[in-house]
Amino acid sequence: MRLFTGGYTADMDGSATGIGTLLAGGADDALAGGPLGFAGDAAATGGSPSWIAAHPTLDVLYAALEADGAVQAFARTGEASFTRLGGPVAAGDLTCHVAVAPDGASLLAACWGDGRIVRMPLDAAGRPSSPTLAPAAADPYAEPDLAAALAAGEAAGAVDLSRLLSPSAPSPSPLRVQLADEEAGGSLSLGDQLHSHGDTGGASAESAGDTRVSRTHQSAYLPGGVIATTDMGLDLVRFWRDAATGLRPIGQVVLPRGSGPRHMRWHPSGHLYVITELSREVFVLAPEASGAWRIIAGTPLAGGLLDDDTAAELAASRDGEFLYAGVRGSNTIATLRVRGDGSQLQPVALVDSGVNWPRHHIVVRDTLLAAGQLGDEVASLALDLRTGVPGTVRHRTAVPSPTCLLPAR
């Protein structure tokens, strides 16, 4: 199997030089259990392609050039070679993720540095252009009437108030969270708004008092035309629809303060699983009949995690019975079983990932591939298809500062 790798280049203190090519067995193998080998760059990027995504129908890759704050498209020129398609399109500070719409008409860029969600239409060749900003998030914990609103919800049996207001985010219990009413509004021209939010340097802004900063980390296209985005800094999962003028907000779910929602995984049962980087949990979200989303369950990834561990990616087994969460620090993979109708999760095991700093991982049938960002390598672990638990490392290979793995079509 051929895969492409995103990575950190020198501008993000990494050793990658572009989008890499990784082989797991033969290039045309359907499975990924064979010996691993790094085959060099598929495209020189000139910056850190920390996340890469493919167009659904065209031979085009998109890279989130994180340090440059831009999205760059690449067109295929050979089996494992790409060249720039147009120039980079500005998105925002520390652009860390890009997602392409299922119809290939547009893409979304998520910016960790300033919290921007940026929509870019794609032309017939796949070139992005004309970026527009989605409406910015507001800190739900900064609203003066938040405590009163949550207290009213708790009295009505809708909200576990102590859970939501706890900075330490104790182990979760099923709860409902108030959803924002559907908001009016469209998008802003990025050209007009490029400097509308002060770029304060992330950590320095948060250390100057308790100011919480919006930090978008992922966008996901869900069935039915719904889009979900995570905001790590403000503990939000926001929901949208794509309109002619840009993204239109339709609601949001407030997660426990300080939990840090990072990435999401849609499940065929109709549930959305959200992994929290800072509290190391997975929350289960589901829509009500009205279309409003709520939290219905949650669980810690596993016992025995270190206090300074941070969760990264969330992947699912082919049959959707198991979830796999990467944990940086202890460098482990947590396995969780999906129970019942998909609304409940059960921690199963915590195993060594085989790499240093598992930034990203994917599941290909009976194999889990983990990208060790700080160890400059990718490892493959065999999955026990009965228990769902990853075994010991099957193969490994050196890969420069890998941050993302993408199977080639």
Protein backbone atom coordinates (compact mmCIF):
# COMPACT_ATOMS: atom_id res chain seq x y z
CA MET A 1 0.00 0.00 0.00
CA ARG A 2 1.18 3.48 -0.84
CA LEU A 3 0.55 6.29 1.62
CA PHE A 4 1.48 9.95 1.77
CA THR A 5 2.90 11.59 4.87
CA GLY A 6 2.54 15.11 6.17
CA GLY A 7 5.27 16.45 8.40
CA TYR A 8 7.04 19.32 10.10
CA THR A 9 9.82 21.00 8.15
CA ALA A 10 12.51 23.35 9.48
CA ASP A 11 10.02 26.19 9.97
CA MET A 12 8.33 24.08 12.67
CA ASP A 13 11.60 22.61 14.03
CA GLY A 14 11.13 19.39 12.07
CA SER A 15 13.22 17.42 9.59
CA ALA A 16 10.71 16.80 6.79
CA THR A 17 11.14 18.52 3.43
CA GLY A 18 7.70 18.01 1.93
CA ILE A 19 4.88 15.52 1.47
CA GLY A 20 6.50 12.11 1.79
CA THR A 21 5.75 8.70 0.29
CA LEU A 22 5.43 5.68 2.56
CA LEU A 23 5.15 2.09 1.38
CA ALA A 24 3.55 -0.66 3.47
CA GLY A 25 4.39 -3.79 1.54
CA GLY A 26 3.92 -3.44 -2.22
CA ALA A 27 2.62 -0.15 -3.60
CA ASP A 28 -0.52 -1.86 -4.92
CA ASP A 29 -1.23 -4.00 -1.85
CA ALA A 30 -4.75 -3.57 -0.47
CA LEU A 31 -3.53 -4.19 3.09
CA ALA A 32 -0.88 -2.32 5.10
CA GLY A 33 0.68 -5.18 7.04
CA GLY A 34 3.82 -5.53 4.91
CA PRO A 35 7.30 -4.11 5.62
CA LEU A 36 7.42 -0.32 5.83
CA GLY A 37 9.72 1.86 3.75
CA PHE A 38 10.03 5.59 3.19
CA ALA A 39 10.39 6.41 -0.52
CA GLY A 40 11.26 10.12 -0.32
CA ASP A 41 9.16 13.16 -1.15
CA ALA A 42 6.13 13.12 -3.41
CA ALA A 43 6.14 16.93 -3.38
CA ALA A 44 8.49 19.60 -2.08
CA THR A 45 6.36 22.04 -0.12
CA GLY A 46 8.73 24.75 1.07
CA GLY A 47 6.87 24.70 4.41
CA SER A 48 5.33 22.32 6.95
CA PRO A 49 2.49 20.22 5.44
CA SER A 50 1.28 19.21 8.90
CA TRP A 51 -2.04 17.93 7.53
CA ILE A 52 -2.83 16.63 4.06
CA ALA A 53 -6.15 15.74 2.44
CA ALA A 54 -7.23 14.48 -0.96
CA HIS A 55 -9.84 15.76 -3.40
CA PRO A 56 -12.68 13.20 -3.66
CA THR A 57 -12.49 12.84 -7.46
CA LEU A 58 -9.43 14.70 -8.77
CA ASP A 59 -5.76 13.72 -8.44
CA VAL A 60 -5.12 16.67 -6.14
CA LEU A 61 -3.72 16.85 -2.61
CA TYR A 62 -4.14 19.77 -0.22
CA ALA A 63 -1.61 20.65 2.45
CA ALA A 64 -2.16 22.82 5.50
CA LEU A 65 1.15 24.72 5.57
CA GLU A 66 1.06 25.35 9.29
CA ALA A 67 3.83 27.91 9.83
CA ASP A 68 2.86 29.80 6.66
CA GLY A 69 -0.81 29.97 7.67
CA ALA A 70 -1.88 28.87 4.20
CA VAL A 71 -3.36 26.05 2.11
CA GLN A 72 -1.48 24.76 -0.94
CA ALA A 73 -2.89 22.46 -3.63
CA PHE A 74 -0.74 19.89 -5.46
CA ALA A 75 -1.65 18.12 -8.72
CA ARG A 76 -0.43 14.61 -9.46
CA THR A 77 2.26 14.31 -12.13
CA GLY A 78 3.09 10.62 -11.63
CA GLU A 79 2.25 7.62 -9.46
CA ALA A 80 3.90 9.24 -6.46
CA SER A 81 4.79 12.74 -7.57
CA PHE A 82 2.94 16.05 -7.32
CA THR A 83 3.55 19.64 -8.32
CA ARG A 84 2.07 22.90 -7.04
CA LEU A 85 -1.35 23.75 -8.40
CA GLY A 86 -1.54 27.51 -8.17
CA GLY A 87 -0.10 29.40 -5.25
CA PRO A 88 -0.68 29.19 -1.51
CA VAL A 89 -3.95 30.70 -0.26
CA ALA A 90 -3.80 32.52 3.07
CA ALA A 91 -6.00 31.09 5.84
CA GLY A 92 -4.85 32.15 9.31
CA ASP A 93 -2.29 31.73 12.05
CA LEU A 94 -0.97 28.16 12.34
CA THR A 95 -3.27 26.46 9.82
CA CYS A 96 -3.27 22.89 11.12
CA HIS A 97 -6.06 21.04 9.30
CA VAL A 98 -7.84 20.96 5.96
CA ALA A 99 -11.00 19.05 5.01
CA VAL A 100 -12.46 18.78 1.51
CA ALA A 101 -16.23 18.75 0.93
CA PRO A 102 -17.61 15.41 -0.30
CA ASP A 103 -18.73 17.06 -3.56
CA GLY A 104 -15.30 18.59 -4.13
CA ALA A 105 -16.73 22.10 -4.43
CA SER A 106 -14.89 23.64 -1.49
CA LEU A 107 -12.60 23.00 1.45
CA LEU A 108 -12.30 24.17 5.04
CA ALA A 109 -9.09 25.18 6.77
CA ALA A 110 -8.81 25.17 10.58
CA CYS A 111 -6.36 27.52 12.28
CA TRP A 112 -5.01 26.71 15.72
CA GLY A 113 -3.26 30.02 16.22
CA ASP A 114 -6.25 32.35 15.89
CA GLY A 115 -9.27 30.03 15.82
CA ARG A 116 -10.30 30.88 12.26
CA ILE A 117 -12.43 28.56 10.16
CA VAL A 118 -11.84 29.45 6.54
CA ARG A 119 -13.88 28.28 3.55
CA MET A 120 -12.29 28.19 0.09
CA PRO A 121 -14.19 27.31 -3.11
CA LEU A 122 -12.43 24.94 -5.52
CA ASP A 123 -12.46 25.40 -9.28
CA ALA A 124 -12.82 22.64 -11.86
CA ALA A 125 -9.11 21.81 -11.59
CA GLY A 126 -9.22 21.77 -7.79
CA ARG A 127 -7.54 25.13 -7.14
CA PRO A 128 -8.63 26.90 -3.94
CA SER A 129 -9.29 30.64 -3.93
CA SER A 130 -11.45 33.43 -2.47
CA PRO A 131 -11.18 32.51 1.22
CA THR A 132 -13.98 33.62 3.55
CA LEU A 133 -14.05 33.53 7.33
CA ALA A 134 -16.78 31.82 9.31
CA PRO A 135 -18.20 33.78 12.26
CA ALA A 136 -15.81 33.71 15.22
CA ALA A 137 -16.52 31.75 18.39
CA ALA A 138 -17.30 33.33 21.75
CA ASP A 139 -16.11 31.84 25.02
CA PRO A 140 -19.19 30.27 26.64
CA TYR A 141 -17.51 30.40 30.04
CA ALA A 142 -17.02 34.16 29.76
CA GLU A 143 -20.72 34.94 29.39
CA PRO A 144 -21.93 36.81 32.51
CA ASP A 145 -25.14 34.84 32.68
CA LEU A 146 -23.60 31.43 31.99
CA ALA A 147 -23.84 30.15 35.55
CA ALA A 148 -27.47 31.21 35.80
CA ALA A 149 -28.30 29.63 32.46
CA LEU A 150 -26.60 26.37 33.37
CA ALA A 151 -28.20 26.37 36.80
CA ALA A 152 -31.60 26.71 35.16
CA GLY A 153 -30.75 23.82 32.86
CA GLU A 154 -29.60 21.65 35.75
CA ALA A 155 -32.79 22.37 37.65
CA ALA A 156 -34.67 21.15 34.60
CA GLY A 157 -32.59 17.98 34.52
CA ALA A 158 -30.62 18.98 31.42
CA VAL A 159 -27.15 19.90 32.70
CA ASP A 160 -24.71 18.54 35.26
CA LEU A 161 -23.58 21.96 36.46
CA SER A 162 -20.71 20.85 38.67
CA ARG A 163 -19.30 18.82 35.79
CA LEU A 164 -19.37 21.68 33.31
CA LEU A 165 -17.88 24.32 35.60
CA SER A 166 -15.08 22.16 36.96
CA PRO A 167 -11.70 23.34 35.66
CA SER A 168 -10.14 19.96 36.38
CA ALA A 169 -12.69 18.08 34.25
CA PRO A 170 -13.24 15.00 36.43
CA SER A 171 -14.27 11.68 34.98
CA PRO A 172 -17.37 12.19 32.85
CA SER A 173 -20.91 11.09 33.31
CA PRO A 174 -23.69 11.25 30.74
CA LEU A 175 -24.99 14.78 30.52
CA ARG A 176 -26.88 17.16 28.37
CA VAL A 177 -25.48 20.47 27.36
CA GLN A 178 -27.34 23.55 26.32
CA LEU A 179 -27.07 24.25 22.60
CA ALA A 180 -26.94 27.67 21.09
CA ASP A 181 -30.00 28.70 19.16
CA GLU A 182 -29.53 28.86 15.42
CA GLU A 183 -27.62 32.02 14.71
CA ALA A 184 -28.06 34.39 11.82
CA GLY A 185 -25.07 35.53 9.85
CA GLY A 186 -22.79 34.55 7.04
CA SER A 187 -19.11 34.83 6.34
CA LEU A 188 -16.57 37.62 6.19
CA SER A 189 -14.17 38.35 3.37
CA LEU A 190 -10.74 37.18 4.45
CA GLY A 191 -9.17 40.05 2.57
CA ASP A 192 -11.17 42.51 4.68
CA GLN A 193 -10.68 40.64 7.96
CA LEU A 194 -7.13 39.28 7.75
CA HIS A 195 -6.00 41.48 10.63
CA SER A 196 -9.29 41.79 12.46
CA HIS A 197 -8.18 39.49 15.26
CA GLY A 198 -5.02 40.37 17.18
CA ASP A 199 -2.32 37.72 16.67
CA THR A 200 -1.08 37.54 20.23
CA GLY A 201 1.21 34.57 20.11
CA GLY A 202 -0.98 31.87 21.66
CA ALA A 203 0.60 30.94 24.99
CA SER A 204 1.68 34.50 25.78
CA ALA A 205 -1.92 35.68 25.39
CA GLU A 206 -3.16 33.05 27.81
CA SER A 207 -0.46 33.77 30.38
CA ALA A 208 -1.44 37.44 30.54
CA GLY A 209 -4.33 36.68 32.88
CA ASP A 210 -6.91 33.97 32.25
CA THR A 211 -7.92 35.03 28.74
CA ARG A 212 -9.05 32.00 26.77
CA VAL A 213 -8.17 31.98 23.07
CA SER A 214 -10.12 30.33 20.28
CA ARG A 215 -8.11 27.47 18.73
CA THR A 216 -9.86 25.58 15.94
CA HIS A 217 -8.29 22.19 15.28
CA GLN A 218 -10.51 20.19 12.92
CA SER A 219 -13.45 20.40 10.53
CA ALA A 220 -15.55 17.38 9.59
CA TYR A 221 -18.29 16.91 7.00
CA LEU A 222 -21.15 14.84 8.44
CA PRO A 223 -24.10 13.22 6.64
CA GLY A 224 -27.03 15.44 5.76
CA GLY A 225 -24.95 18.48 4.90
CA VAL A 226 -23.91 19.23 8.49
CA ILE A 227 -20.36 20.39 9.27
CA ALA A 228 -18.74 20.10 12.70
CA THR A 229 -15.66 21.97 13.96
CA THR A 230 -13.71 21.68 17.20
CA ASP A 231 -12.42 24.62 19.20
CA MET A 232 -9.78 23.44 21.67
CA GLY A 233 -9.30 26.81 23.29
CA LEU A 234 -12.96 27.51 24.05
CA ASP A 235 -14.12 23.91 24.66
CA LEU A 236 -16.68 23.97 21.85
CA VAL A 237 -17.96 21.74 19.10
CA ARG A 238 -19.71 24.02 16.62
CA PHE A 239 -22.15 22.97 13.91
CA TRP A 240 -22.71 24.59 10.51
CA ARG A 241 -24.34 24.38 7.12
CA ASP A 242 -22.66 25.49 3.93
CA ALA A 243 -24.58 28.35 2.31
CA ALA A 244 -23.97 30.42 -0.82
CA THR A 245 -22.41 33.17 1.30
CA GLY A 246 -20.29 30.80 3.43
CA LEU A 247 -20.74 28.78 6.59
CA ARG A 248 -23.94 29.40 8.54
CA PRO A 249 -23.83 28.46 12.25
CA ILE A 250 -26.68 26.24 13.43
CA GLY A 251 -25.62 25.44 17.01
CA GLN A 252 -22.88 24.42 19.35
CA VAL A 253 -22.15 22.04 22.20
CA VAL A 254 -20.21 23.27 25.23
CA LEU A 255 -17.78 20.69 26.62
CA PRO A 256 -16.31 20.76 30.16
CA ARG A 257 -14.03 23.70 30.76
CA GLY A 258 -10.40 22.90 30.00
CA SER A 259 -11.16 19.62 28.21
CA GLY A 260 -9.80 20.80 24.84
CA PRO A 261 -11.83 19.06 22.09
CA ARG A 262 -9.35 18.21 19.33
CA HIS A 263 -10.60 15.71 16.73
CA MET A 264 -13.82 13.90 15.86
CA ARG A 265 -14.88 10.61 14.36
CA TRP A 266 -18.30 10.03 12.78
CA HIS A 267 -19.86 6.62 13.46
CA PRO A 268 -22.39 4.82 11.23
CA SER A 269 -24.75 4.63 14.24
CA GLY A 270 -25.28 8.38 13.88
CA HIS A 271 -23.08 9.41 16.80
CA LEU A 272 -20.15 11.80 16.72
CA TYR A 273 -17.20 10.89 18.94
CA VAL A 274 -15.01 13.77 20.13
CA ILE A 275 -11.58 13.25 21.68
CA THR A 276 -10.37 15.90 24.12
CA GLU A 277 -6.66 16.63 24.06
CA LEU A 278 -6.29 18.03 27.57
CA SER A 279 -8.70 15.93 29.66
CA ARG A 280 -8.00 12.74 27.63
CA GLU A 281 -11.63 11.69 27.21
CA VAL A 282 -14.02 10.76 24.44
CA PHE A 283 -17.48 12.34 24.43
CA VAL A 284 -20.44 10.96 22.50
CA LEU A 285 -22.61 13.55 20.73
CA ALA A 286 -25.91 12.92 18.97
CA PRO A 287 -28.60 15.05 17.31
CA GLU A 288 -32.09 15.36 18.72
CA ALA A 289 -35.18 15.22 16.51
CA SER A 290 -35.01 19.00 16.23
CA GLY A 291 -31.50 18.75 14.80
CA ALA A 292 -29.88 20.23 17.92
CA TRP A 293 -26.85 18.31 19.17
CA ARG A 294 -26.15 17.24 22.74
CA ILE A 295 -23.67 15.18 24.75
CA ILE A 296 -25.14 11.83 25.74
CA ALA A 297 -22.11 10.04 27.22
CA GLY A 298 -18.40 10.23 27.80
CA THR A 299 -15.52 8.19 29.16
CA PRO A 300 -11.83 8.61 30.06
CA LEU A 301 -9.53 6.97 27.53
CA ALA A 302 -7.99 4.68 30.13
CA GLY A 303 -6.67 4.50 33.64
CA GLY A 304 -2.98 5.02 34.36
CA LEU A 305 -2.35 7.94 32.02
CA LEU A 306 0.22 10.54 33.02
CA ASP A 307 -0.88 13.98 34.19
CA ASP A 308 0.90 15.69 31.30
CA ASP A 309 -0.29 13.27 28.61
CA THR A 310 -2.18 14.79 25.70
CA ALA A 311 -4.58 12.96 23.40
CA ALA A 312 -4.16 13.27 19.64
CA GLU A 313 -6.03 11.36 16.93
CA LEU A 314 -9.14 9.19 17.13
CA ALA A 315 -9.56 6.37 14.59
CA ALA A 316 -12.08 3.56 14.20
CA SER A 317 -11.88 -0.08 13.21
CA ARG A 318 -13.27 -1.05 9.84
CA ASP A 319 -16.47 -2.46 11.37
CA GLY A 320 -16.87 0.47 13.77
CA GLU A 321 -16.76 -1.78 16.85
CA PHE A 322 -13.57 -0.23 18.27
CA LEU A 323 -12.04 3.22 18.60
CA TYR A 324 -8.31 3.93 18.89
CA ALA A 325 -6.95 7.04 20.57
CA GLY A 326 -3.34 8.16 20.41
CA VAL A 327 -1.77 9.52 23.61
CA ARG A 328 1.39 11.62 23.50
CA GLY A 329 3.70 11.61 26.52
CA SER A 330 3.16 8.03 27.63
CA ASN A 331 3.20 7.23 23.88
CA THR A 332 0.31 4.80 24.01
CA ILE A 333 -2.78 3.76 22.06
CA ALA A 334 -6.04 3.44 23.99
CA THR A 335 -8.66 1.02 22.70
CA LEU A 336 -12.36 1.62 23.39
CA ARG A 337 -15.28 -0.63 22.45
CA VAL A 338 -18.46 0.84 20.98
CA ARG A 339 -21.43 -0.55 22.89
CA GLY A 340 -25.13 -0.98 22.16
CA ASP A 341 -26.53 1.49 19.68
CA GLY A 342 -23.24 3.41 19.59
CA SER A 343 -24.14 5.72 22.46
CA GLN A 344 -21.83 4.09 24.99
CA LEU A 345 -18.07 3.55 25.01
CA GLN A 346 -16.07 1.15 27.16
CA PRO A 347 -12.28 1.44 27.68
CA VAL A 348 -10.65 -1.89 26.81
CA ALA A 349 -6.87 -1.57 26.84
CA LEU A 350 -3.88 0.77 26.80
CA VAL A 351 -0.83 -0.42 24.86
CA ASP A 352 2.51 0.93 23.72
CA SER A 353 2.23 2.75 20.39
CA GLY A 354 5.75 1.78 19.37
CA VAL A 355 6.66 5.38 18.49
CA ASN A 356 7.68 8.59 20.23
CA TRP A 357 4.84 11.15 20.26
CA PRO A 358 2.05 9.41 18.26
CA ARG A 359 0.72 12.54 16.57
CA HIS A 360 -1.51 10.68 14.11
CA HIS A 361 -2.58 7.13 13.34
CA ILE A 362 -4.85 5.32 10.91
CA VAL A 363 -6.43 1.87 10.76
CA VAL A 364 -6.24 -0.24 7.61
CA ARG A 365 -8.26 -3.39 8.29
CA ASP A 366 -5.97 -5.52 10.53
CA THR A 367 -3.17 -2.95 10.89
CA LEU A 368 -2.73 0.26 12.84
CA LEU A 369 -0.10 2.68 11.49
CA ALA A 370 1.23 5.24 13.98
CA ALA A 371 3.23 8.37 13.08
CA GLY A 372 5.82 9.22 15.74
CA GLN A 373 6.45 12.92 15.27
CA LEU A 374 9.37 13.23 17.71
CA GLY A 375 10.85 9.83 16.93
CA ASP A 376 11.04 10.41 13.16
CA GLU A 377 9.41 7.10 12.36
CA VAL A 378 6.21 5.26 11.49
CA ALA A 379 5.36 1.89 13.02
CA SER A 380 2.72 -0.71 12.20
CA LEU A 381 0.90 -2.74 14.84
CA ALA A 382 -1.20 -5.81 14.14
CA LEU A 383 -4.80 -5.60 15.39
CA ASP A 384 -6.48 -8.56 17.04
CA LEU A 385 -9.75 -8.57 15.11
CA ARG A 386 -11.51 -10.42 17.95
CA THR A 387 -10.48 -8.26 20.92
CA GLY A 388 -9.68 -5.13 18.92
CA VAL A 389 -6.42 -4.60 20.84
CA PRO A 390 -3.20 -3.66 18.99
CA GLY A 391 -0.28 -6.01 19.46
CA THR A 392 3.44 -5.34 19.39
CA VAL A 393 5.18 -3.50 16.57
CA ARG A 394 5.15 -5.49 13.36
CA HIS A 395 7.32 -3.18 11.23
CA ARG A 396 8.86 0.29 11.51
CA THR A 397 10.74 2.71 9.27
CA ALA A 398 12.37 6.11 9.53
CA VAL A 399 10.14 8.98 8.36
CA PRO A 400 11.10 12.63 8.96
CA SER A 401 8.89 14.35 11.59
CA PRO A 402 5.62 12.65 10.49
CA THR A 403 2.39 14.38 11.56
CA CYS A 404 -0.21 12.89 9.20
CA LEU A 405 -0.80 9.66 7.25
CA LEU A 406 -3.00 9.52 4.16
CA PRO A 407 -3.60 6.34 2.10
CA ALA A 408 -3.20 6.95 -1.63
CA ARG A 409 -6.11 6.17 -3.91
